[in-house]
C-alpha atoms as a PDB file:
ATOM      1  CA  MET A   1     118.368  74.269 106.453  1.00  0.00           C
ATOM      2  CA  ILE A   2     114.988  74.114 105.612  1.00  0.00           C
ATOM      3  CA  LEU A   3     112.798  77.163 107.983  1.00  0.00           C
ATOM      4  CA  LYS A   4     110.157  75.578 110.029  1.00  0.00           C
ATOM      5  CA  LYS A   5     106.537  76.828 109.835  1.00  0.00           C
ATOM      6  CA  GLY A   6     106.710  77.866 113.318  1.00  0.00           C
ATOM      7  CA  ILE A   7     109.780  80.278 112.740  1.00  0.00           C
ATOM      8  CA  ILE A   8     108.713  81.769 109.376  1.00  0.00           C
ATOM      9  CA  ARG A   9     105.003  82.662 111.428  1.00  0.00           C
ATOM     10  CA  ARG A  10     107.362  84.153 114.543  1.00  0.00           C
ATOM     11  CA  ALA A  11     109.548  85.832 112.131  1.00  0.00           C
ATOM     12  CA  PHE A  12     106.109  87.217 110.874  1.00  0.00           C
ATOM     13  CA  PHE A  13     104.395  87.983 113.917  1.00  0.00           C
ATOM     14  CA  THR A  14     107.906  89.691 115.398  1.00  0.00           C
ATOM     15  CA  SER A  15     108.414  91.978 112.168  1.00  0.00           C
ATOM     16  CA  VAL A  16     104.379  93.274 112.206  1.00  0.00           C
ATOM     17  CA  VAL A  17     104.736  94.061 115.960  1.00  0.00           C
ATOM     18  CA  VAL A  18     107.899  95.730 116.148  1.00  0.00           C
ATOM     19  CA  GLY A  19     108.038  97.271 112.539  1.00  0.00           C
ATOM     20  CA  SER A  20     104.983  99.231 113.119  1.00  0.00           C
ATOM     21  CA  VAL A  21     106.402 100.630 116.662  1.00  0.00           C
ATOM     22  CA  LEU A  22     109.730 101.455 114.002  1.00  0.00           C
ATOM     23  CA  LEU A  23     107.961 103.365 111.740  1.00  0.00           C
ATOM     24  CA  LEU A  24     105.974 105.468 113.837  1.00  0.00           C
ATOM     25  CA  ILE A  25     108.681 106.365 115.915  1.00  0.00           C
ATOM     26  CA  ASN A  26     111.032 106.860 113.167  1.00  0.00           C
ATOM     27  CA  HIS A  27     108.358 108.398 110.433  1.00  0.00           C
ATOM     28  CA  GLY A  28     105.427 108.978 112.761  1.00  0.00           C
ATOM     29  CA  ASP A  29     105.655 112.815 113.069  1.00  0.00           C
ATOM     30  CA  THR A  30     106.328 112.983 108.673  1.00  0.00           C
ATOM     31  CA  MET A  31     102.887 110.768 108.884  1.00  0.00           C
ATOM     32  CA  LYS A  32     101.116 113.233 110.963  1.00  0.00           C
ATOM     33  CA  THR A  33     101.285 115.750 108.833  1.00  0.00           C
ATOM     34  CA  GLN A  34     100.713 113.359 105.602  1.00  0.00           C
ATOM     35  CA  GLU A  35     103.630 113.436 104.261  1.00  0.00           C
ATOM     36  CA  TYR A  36     104.836 109.664 103.854  1.00  0.00           C
ATOM     37  CA  PRO A  37     108.352 107.829 103.680  1.00  0.00           C
ATOM     38  CA  ALA A  38     109.275 106.118 100.799  1.00  0.00           C
ATOM     39  CA  LEU A  39     107.855 102.604 100.547  1.00  0.00           C
ATOM     40  CA  TRP A  40     111.534 101.058 100.504  1.00  0.00           C
ATOM     41  CA  LYS A  41     112.157 102.792 103.931  1.00  0.00           C
ATOM     42  CA  VAL A  42     108.644 101.155 104.858  1.00  0.00           C
ATOM     43  CA  GLY A  43     109.565  97.886 103.325  1.00  0.00           C
ATOM     44  CA  LEU A  44     113.073  97.748 105.363  1.00  0.00           C
ATOM     45  CA  THR A  45     111.173  98.959 108.392  1.00  0.00           C
ATOM     46  CA  TYR A  46     109.914  95.565 108.210  1.00  0.00           C
ATOM     47  CA  LEU A  47     112.036  93.711 106.735  1.00  0.00           C
ATOM     48  CA  VAL A  48     115.222  93.638 109.348  1.00  0.00           C
ATOM     49  CA  PRO A  49     112.783  92.409 112.114  1.00  0.00           C
ATOM     50  CA  PHE A  50     111.703  89.543 110.116  1.00  0.00           C
ATOM     51  CA  LEU A  51     115.576  88.856 109.275  1.00  0.00           C
ATOM     52  CA  VAL A  52     116.611  89.038 112.386  1.00  0.00           C
ATOM     53  CA  THR A  53     114.185  86.935 114.038  1.00  0.00           C
ATOM     54  CA  ILE A  54     114.789  84.603 111.917  1.00  0.00           C
ATOM     55  CA  TRP A  55     118.708  84.666 112.213  1.00  0.00           C
ATOM     56  CA  GLY A  56     118.106  84.283 116.024  1.00  0.00           C
ATOM     57  CA  SER A  57     116.092  81.446 115.274  1.00  0.00           C
ATOM     58  CA  ILE A  58     118.761  79.500 113.133  1.00  0.00           C
ATOM     59  CA  SER A  59     121.430  80.411 115.027  1.00  0.00           C
ATOM     60  CA  LEU A  60     119.726  78.896 118.469  1.00  0.00           C
ATOM     61  CA  GLY A  61     119.093  75.781 116.573  1.00  0.00           C
ATOM     62  CA  GLY A  62     115.502  76.269 115.651  1.00  0.00           C
ATOM     63  CA  LYS A  63     114.606  76.602 119.287  1.00  0.00           C
END
């Protein structure tokens, strides 16, 4: 199945919003003291909502 442009756009914006909220919840206290999490953790924090949005769109038939 080829992903529609709208699905990718929706997944991107969802990942930016949800990923940012999760980053602040999970790492906000350490970032406040200028200690930053590993880049792979930050990447996963944004990647998971992106993939979940795509998965949900595909399972609903791309609606």
